[in-house]
């Protein structure tokens, strides 16, 4: 045992001190008040050390779990910034395809150009799918503020108020997170 009783001891040191003490002495007090006080103090220190050790183990386990979750999230969502940048490329390809008039699509000189743009657009969609990036459904659905951003309201007798009637810009999810909301026009009651 240490001579300096004012210095705090860690749980392992207290447990090591008690290892050499016969079990009978730990269980019985022979009447010596000083030994009994010392034994009670050692037992109390041992209990405190055990609790400290349990708390430290629990905290270490919590830190490990948080770290594992952070690592998994980093792996799953590492491409988020890059994916946002590529969305503008996909938008431009879509605009290019929609800007080609039907009569030019049938023109022999333009068929290869149109086919190339369509193939590039399909390839981007394939790569998006491989990385968990999916397009958000919008047309004809009720406005979902978690996925849609209402840009304008359009009077409509055909659609229920609050229903998406036009998609101004496609929205995308990356796995279960929003990458970009769909920008939409929403129906309202006619004036």
C-alpha atoms as a PDB file:
ATOM      1  CA  UNK A   1       0.000   0.000   0.000  1.00  0.00           C
ATOM      2  CA  UNK A   2       1.098   3.555  -0.558  1.00  0.00           C
ATOM      3  CA  UNK A   3       2.097   5.729   2.373  1.00  0.00           C
ATOM      4  CA  UNK A   4       0.542   8.892   0.907  1.00  0.00           C
ATOM      5  CA  UNK A   5      -3.172   8.455   1.624  1.00  0.00           C
ATOM      6  CA  UNK A   6      -4.097  11.861   0.187  1.00  0.00           C
ATOM      7  CA  UNK A   7      -3.134  10.893  -3.362  1.00  0.00           C
ATOM      8  CA  UNK A   8      -6.071   9.451  -5.401  1.00  0.00           C
ATOM      9  CA  UNK A   9      -5.599   5.956  -6.736  1.00  0.00           C
ATOM     10  CA  UNK A  10      -6.869   4.494  -9.970  1.00  0.00           C
ATOM     11  CA  UNK A  11      -9.124   1.405  -9.933  1.00  0.00           C
ATOM     12  CA  UNK A  12      -6.419  -0.988 -11.134  1.00  0.00           C
ATOM     13  CA  UNK A  13      -4.053   0.080  -8.346  1.00  0.00           C
ATOM     14  CA  UNK A  14      -6.760  -0.405  -5.701  1.00  0.00           C
ATOM     15  CA  UNK A  15      -7.701  -3.789  -7.120  1.00  0.00           C
ATOM     16  CA  UNK A  16      -4.029  -4.802  -7.150  1.00  0.00           C
ATOM     17  CA  UNK A  17      -3.730  -3.765  -3.495  1.00  0.00           C
ATOM     18  CA  UNK A  18      -6.715  -5.892  -2.553  1.00  0.00           C
ATOM     19  CA  UNK A  19      -5.416  -8.977  -4.407  1.00  0.00           C
ATOM     20  CA  UNK A  20      -2.908  -9.731  -1.678  1.00  0.00           C
ATOM     21  CA  UNK A  21      -5.439  -9.373   1.140  1.00  0.00           C
ATOM     22  CA  UNK A  22      -6.911 -12.700   2.265  1.00  0.00           C
ATOM     23  CA  UNK A  23     -10.654 -13.026   1.582  1.00  0.00           C
ATOM     24  CA  UNK A  24     -11.404 -13.542   5.290  1.00  0.00           C
ATOM     25  CA  UNK A  25      -9.970 -10.135   6.107  1.00  0.00           C
ATOM     26  CA  UNK A  26     -12.066  -8.478   3.414  1.00  0.00           C
ATOM     27  CA  UNK A  27     -15.240 -10.098   4.702  1.00  0.00           C
ATOM     28  CA  UNK A  28     -14.663  -9.834   8.466  1.00  0.00           C
ATOM     29  CA  UNK A  29     -13.592  -7.025  10.646  1.00  0.00           C
ATOM     30  CA  UNK A  30     -11.754  -8.256  13.730  1.00  0.00           C
ATOM     31  CA  UNK A  31     -12.789  -5.264  15.751  1.00  0.00           C
ATOM     32  CA  UNK A  32      -9.864  -3.031  14.930  1.00  0.00           C
ATOM     33  CA  UNK A  33     -11.561   0.259  14.003  1.00  0.00           C
ATOM     34  CA  UNK A  34      -8.578   1.610  12.082  1.00  0.00           C
ATOM     35  CA  UNK A  35      -8.343  -1.511   9.911  1.00  0.00           C
ATOM     36  CA  UNK A  36     -12.122  -1.434   9.390  1.00  0.00           C
ATOM     37  CA  UNK A  37     -11.998   2.185   8.261  1.00  0.00           C
ATOM     38  CA  UNK A  38      -9.132   1.406   5.907  1.00  0.00           C
ATOM     39  CA  UNK A  39     -11.010  -1.614   4.531  1.00  0.00           C
ATOM     40  CA  UNK A  40     -14.191   0.441   4.015  1.00  0.00           C
ATOM     41  CA  UNK A  41     -12.196   3.153   2.289  1.00  0.00           C
ATOM     42  CA  UNK A  42     -10.547   0.599  -0.009  1.00  0.00           C
ATOM     43  CA  UNK A  43     -13.904  -0.969  -0.845  1.00  0.00           C
ATOM     44  CA  UNK A  44     -15.345   2.445  -1.649  1.00  0.00           C
ATOM     45  CA  UNK A  45     -12.344   3.286  -3.864  1.00  0.00           C
ATOM     46  CA  UNK A  46     -12.727  -0.065  -5.593  1.00  0.00           C
ATOM     47  CA  UNK A  47     -16.408   0.601  -6.340  1.00  0.00           C
ATOM     48  CA  UNK A  48     -15.610   4.092  -7.657  1.00  0.00           C
ATOM     49  CA  UNK A  49     -12.833   2.660  -9.825  1.00  0.00           C
ATOM     50  CA  UNK A  50     -15.178  -0.034 -11.171  1.00  0.00           C
ATOM     51  CA  UNK A  51     -17.793   2.602 -12.069  1.00  0.00           C
ATOM     52  CA  UNK A  52     -15.161   4.801 -13.713  1.00  0.00           C
ATOM     53  CA  UNK A  53     -13.949   1.832 -15.739  1.00  0.00           C
ATOM     54  CA  UNK A  54     -17.515   0.982 -16.860  1.00  0.00           C
ATOM     55  CA  UNK A  55     -18.159   4.588 -17.903  1.00  0.00           C
ATOM     56  CA  UNK A  56     -14.873   4.696 -19.802  1.00  0.00           C
ATOM     57  CA  UNK A  57     -15.712   1.449 -21.623  1.00  0.00           C
ATOM     58  CA  UNK A  58     -19.170   2.746 -22.541  1.00  0.00           C
ATOM     59  CA  UNK A  59     -17.744   6.029 -23.807  1.00  0.00           C
ATOM     60  CA  UNK A  60     -15.118   4.196 -25.858  1.00  0.00           C
ATOM     61  CA  UNK A  61     -17.806   2.008 -27.399  1.00  0.00           C
ATOM     62  CA  UNK A  62     -19.935   5.071 -28.215  1.00  0.00           C
ATOM     63  CA  UNK A  63     -16.974   6.822 -29.831  1.00  0.00           C
ATOM     64  CA  UNK A  64     -16.220   3.690 -31.882  1.00  0.00           C
ATOM     65  CA  UNK A  65     -19.850   3.457 -33.069  1.00  0.00           C
ATOM     66  CA  UNK A  66     -19.927   7.144 -34.041  1.00  0.00           C
ATOM     67  CA  UNK A  67     -16.652   6.742 -35.919  1.00  0.00           C
ATOM     68  CA  UNK A  68     -17.936   3.662 -37.776  1.00  0.00           C
ATOM     69  CA  UNK A  69     -21.111   5.567 -38.749  1.00  0.00           C
ATOM     70  CA  UNK A  70     -19.078   8.570 -39.913  1.00  0.00           C
ATOM     71  CA  UNK A  71     -16.867   6.303 -42.023  1.00  0.00           C
ATOM     72  CA  UNK A  72     -19.899   4.570 -43.562  1.00  0.00           C
ATOM     73  CA  UNK A  73     -21.540   7.947 -44.322  1.00  0.00           C
ATOM     74  CA  UNK A  74     -18.326   9.262 -45.850  1.00  0.00           C
ATOM     75  CA  UNK A  75     -18.107   6.238 -48.136  1.00  0.00           C
ATOM     76  CA  UNK A  76     -21.782   6.408 -49.097  1.00  0.00           C
ATOM     77  CA  UNK A  77     -21.915  10.142 -49.753  1.00  0.00           C
ATOM     78  CA  UNK A  78     -18.348  10.891 -50.902  1.00  0.00           C
ATOM     79  CA  UNK A  79     -19.485  11.734 -54.439  1.00  0.00           C
ATOM     80  CA  UNK A  80     -22.091  14.304 -53.339  1.00  0.00           C
ATOM     81  CA  UNK A  81     -20.138  17.419 -54.366  1.00  0.00           C
ATOM     82  CA  UNK A  82     -19.052  15.924 -57.660  1.00  0.00           C
ATOM     83  CA  UNK A  83     -22.584  14.658 -58.363  1.00  0.00           C
ATOM     84  CA  UNK A  84     -24.034  18.159 -57.842  1.00  0.00           C
ATOM     85  CA  UNK A  85     -21.566  19.515 -60.383  1.00  0.00           C
ATOM     86  CA  UNK A  86     -22.426  16.821 -62.931  1.00  0.00           C
ATOM     87  CA  UNK A  87     -26.163  17.526 -62.608  1.00  0.00           C
ATOM     88  CA  UNK A  88     -25.708  20.690 -64.666  1.00  0.00           C
ATOM     89  CA  UNK A  89     -24.119  18.600 -67.440  1.00  0.00           C
ATOM     90  CA  UNK A  90     -27.109  16.238 -67.375  1.00  0.00           C
ATOM     91  CA  UNK A  91     -29.457  19.249 -67.468  1.00  0.00           C
ATOM     92  CA  UNK A  92     -27.648  20.699 -70.501  1.00  0.00           C
ATOM     93  CA  UNK A  93     -27.810  17.378 -72.367  1.00  0.00           C
ATOM     94  CA  UNK A  94     -31.519  17.163 -71.642  1.00  0.00           C
ATOM     95  CA  UNK A  95     -32.040  20.726 -72.872  1.00  0.00           C
ATOM     96  CA  UNK A  96     -30.045  19.985 -76.024  1.00  0.00           C
ATOM     97  CA  UNK A  97     -32.213  16.941 -76.802  1.00  0.00           C
ATOM     98  CA  UNK A  98     -35.451  18.811 -76.199  1.00  0.00           C
ATOM     99  CA  UNK A  99     -34.289  21.730 -78.385  1.00  0.00           C
ATOM    100  CA  UNK A 100     -33.845  19.562 -81.505  1.00  0.00           C
ATOM    101  CA  UNK A 101     -36.984  19.860 -83.659  1.00  0.00           C
ATOM    102  CA  UNK A 102     -38.656  16.650 -84.888  1.00  0.00           C
ATOM    103  CA  UNK A 103     -37.864  17.390 -88.552  1.00  0.00           C
ATOM    104  CA  UNK A 104     -34.133  17.640 -87.775  1.00  0.00           C
ATOM    105  CA  UNK A 105     -34.237  14.331 -85.877  1.00  0.00           C
ATOM    106  CA  UNK A 106     -35.262  12.610 -89.116  1.00  0.00           C
ATOM    107  CA  UNK A 107     -32.615  14.416 -91.178  1.00  0.00           C
ATOM    108  CA  UNK A 108     -29.826  11.998 -92.181  1.00  0.00           C
ATOM    109  CA  UNK A 109     -27.143  14.580 -91.356  1.00  0.00           C
ATOM    110  CA  UNK A 110     -28.465  15.078 -87.801  1.00  0.00           C
ATOM    111  CA  UNK A 111     -29.343  11.466 -86.877  1.00  0.00           C
ATOM    112  CA  UNK A 112     -25.815  10.647 -85.708  1.00  0.00           C
ATOM    113  CA  UNK A 113     -25.595  13.830 -83.627  1.00  0.00           C
ATOM    114  CA  UNK A 114     -28.954  13.138 -81.968  1.00  0.00           C
ATOM    115  CA  UNK A 115     -27.988   9.496 -81.382  1.00  0.00           C
ATOM    116  CA  UNK A 116     -24.714  10.607 -79.772  1.00  0.00           C
ATOM    117  CA  UNK A 117     -26.411  13.054 -77.433  1.00  0.00           C
ATOM    118  CA  UNK A 118     -29.021  10.438 -76.481  1.00  0.00           C
ATOM    119  CA  UNK A 119     -26.288   7.837 -75.835  1.00  0.00           C
ATOM    120  CA  UNK A 120     -24.378  10.301 -73.639  1.00  0.00           C
ATOM    121  CA  UNK A 121     -27.548  11.075 -71.686  1.00  0.00           C
ATOM    122  CA  UNK A 122     -28.229   7.344 -71.158  1.00  0.00           C
ATOM    123  CA  UNK A 123     -24.632   6.821 -70.016  1.00  0.00           C
ATOM    124  CA  UNK A 124     -24.942   9.613 -67.437  1.00  0.00           C
ATOM    125  CA  UNK A 125     -28.186   8.040 -66.155  1.00  0.00           C
ATOM    126  CA  UNK A 126     -26.414   4.659 -65.928  1.00  0.00           C
ATOM    127  CA  UNK A 127     -23.506   6.142 -63.963  1.00  0.00           C
ATOM    128  CA  UNK A 128     -25.933   7.976 -61.670  1.00  0.00           C
ATOM    129  CA  UNK A 129     -27.726   4.688 -60.994  1.00  0.00           C
ATOM    130  CA  UNK A 130     -24.448   2.905 -60.219  1.00  0.00           C
ATOM    131  CA  UNK A 131     -23.666   5.524 -57.569  1.00  0.00           C
ATOM    132  CA  UNK A 132     -27.119   5.598 -55.977  1.00  0.00           C
ATOM    133  CA  UNK A 133     -28.232   8.839 -57.624  1.00  0.00           C
ATOM    134  CA  UNK A 134     -31.875   8.762 -58.658  1.00  0.00           C
ATOM    135  CA  UNK A 135     -34.266  11.259 -60.185  1.00  0.00           C
ATOM    136  CA  UNK A 136     -37.107  12.521 -57.983  1.00  0.00           C
ATOM    137  CA  UNK A 137     -40.604  11.896 -59.306  1.00  0.00           C
ATOM    138  CA  UNK A 138     -42.611  15.095 -59.472  1.00  0.00           C
ATOM    139  CA  UNK A 139     -45.232  15.332 -62.245  1.00  0.00           C
ATOM    140  CA  UNK A 140     -48.789  14.758 -61.040  1.00  0.00           C
ATOM    141  CA  UNK A 141     -47.744  14.209 -57.416  1.00  0.00           C
ATOM    142  CA  UNK A 142     -48.657  16.389 -54.436  1.00  0.00           C
ATOM    143  CA  UNK A 143     -46.007  18.954 -53.529  1.00  0.00           C
ATOM    144  CA  UNK A 144     -43.502  17.418 -51.106  1.00  0.00           C
ATOM    145  CA  UNK A 145     -41.411  20.180 -49.485  1.00  0.00           C
ATOM    146  CA  UNK A 146     -38.725  17.603 -48.655  1.00  0.00           C
ATOM    147  CA  UNK A 147     -38.150  16.880 -52.370  1.00  0.00           C
ATOM    148  CA  UNK A 148     -39.805  19.666 -54.377  1.00  0.00           C
ATOM    149  CA  UNK A 149     -39.240  23.392 -54.462  1.00  0.00           C
ATOM    150  CA  UNK A 150     -42.329  25.266 -55.656  1.00  0.00           C
ATOM    151  CA  UNK A 151     -41.223  28.056 -57.978  1.00  0.00           C
ATOM    152  CA  UNK A 152     -44.600  29.231 -59.290  1.00  0.00           C
ATOM    153  CA  UNK A 153     -48.292  28.568 -58.859  1.00  0.00           C
ATOM    154  CA  UNK A 154     -50.351  27.953 -61.980  1.00  0.00           C
ATOM    155  CA  UNK A 155     -54.154  28.288 -62.037  1.00  0.00           C
ATOM    156  CA  UNK A 156     -55.585  24.922 -63.096  1.00  0.00           C
ATOM    157  CA  UNK A 157     -59.082  23.496 -63.307  1.00  0.00           C
ATOM    158  CA  UNK A 158     -57.697  20.032 -64.224  1.00  0.00           C
ATOM    159  CA  UNK A 159     -55.387  19.409 -61.244  1.00  0.00           C
ATOM    160  CA  UNK A 160     -55.968  19.500 -57.503  1.00  0.00           C
ATOM    161  CA  UNK A 161     -54.440  22.522 -55.742  1.00  0.00           C
ATOM    162  CA  UNK A 162     -50.952  21.663 -54.479  1.00  0.00           C
ATOM    163  CA  UNK A 163     -50.296  19.149 -57.277  1.00  0.00           C
ATOM    164  CA  UNK A 164     -47.144  19.436 -59.394  1.00  0.00           C
ATOM    165  CA  UNK A 165     -48.202  20.337 -62.941  1.00  0.00           C
ATOM    166  CA  UNK A 166     -44.804  21.173 -64.467  1.00  0.00           C
ATOM    167  CA  UNK A 167     -41.215  20.251 -63.717  1.00  0.00           C
ATOM    168  CA  UNK A 168     -38.924  23.205 -64.348  1.00  0.00           C
ATOM    169  CA  UNK A 169     -35.749  21.398 -63.272  1.00  0.00           C
ATOM    170  CA  UNK A 170     -35.295  17.758 -62.325  1.00  0.00           C
ATOM    171  CA  UNK A 171     -34.487  16.912 -58.723  1.00  0.00           C
ATOM    172  CA  UNK A 172     -32.187  14.124 -57.546  1.00  0.00           C
ATOM    173  CA  UNK A 173     -31.516  12.010 -54.458  1.00  0.00           C
ATOM    174  CA  UNK A 174     -28.224  10.355 -53.552  1.00  0.00           C
ATOM    175  CA  UNK A 175     -29.193   7.188 -51.718  1.00  0.00           C
ATOM    176  CA  UNK A 176     -31.574   8.488 -49.022  1.00  0.00           C
ATOM    177  CA  UNK A 177     -30.379  12.123 -49.020  1.00  0.00           C
ATOM    178  CA  UNK A 178     -31.583  15.028 -51.113  1.00  0.00           C
ATOM    179  CA  UNK A 179     -28.989  16.044 -53.678  1.00  0.00           C
ATOM    180  CA  UNK A 180     -31.086  18.735 -55.368  1.00  0.00           C
ATOM    181  CA  UNK A 181     -34.821  19.472 -55.034  1.00  0.00           C
ATOM    182  CA  UNK A 182     -37.030  19.342 -58.119  1.00  0.00           C
ATOM    183  CA  UNK A 183     -38.062  22.870 -59.097  1.00  0.00           C
ATOM    184  CA  UNK A 184     -41.726  22.708 -59.967  1.00  0.00           C
ATOM    185  CA  UNK A 185     -44.871  24.611 -60.863  1.00  0.00           C
ATOM    186  CA  UNK A 186     -47.805  23.815 -58.583  1.00  0.00           C
ATOM    187  CA  UNK A 187     -51.522  23.959 -59.374  1.00  0.00           C
ATOM    188  CA  UNK A 188     -53.778  26.397 -57.596  1.00  0.00           C
ATOM    189  CA  UNK A 189     -57.511  27.082 -57.864  1.00  0.00           C
ATOM    190  CA  UNK A 190     -58.414  29.162 -60.932  1.00  0.00           C
ATOM    191  CA  UNK A 191     -59.215  32.808 -60.224  1.00  0.00           C
END
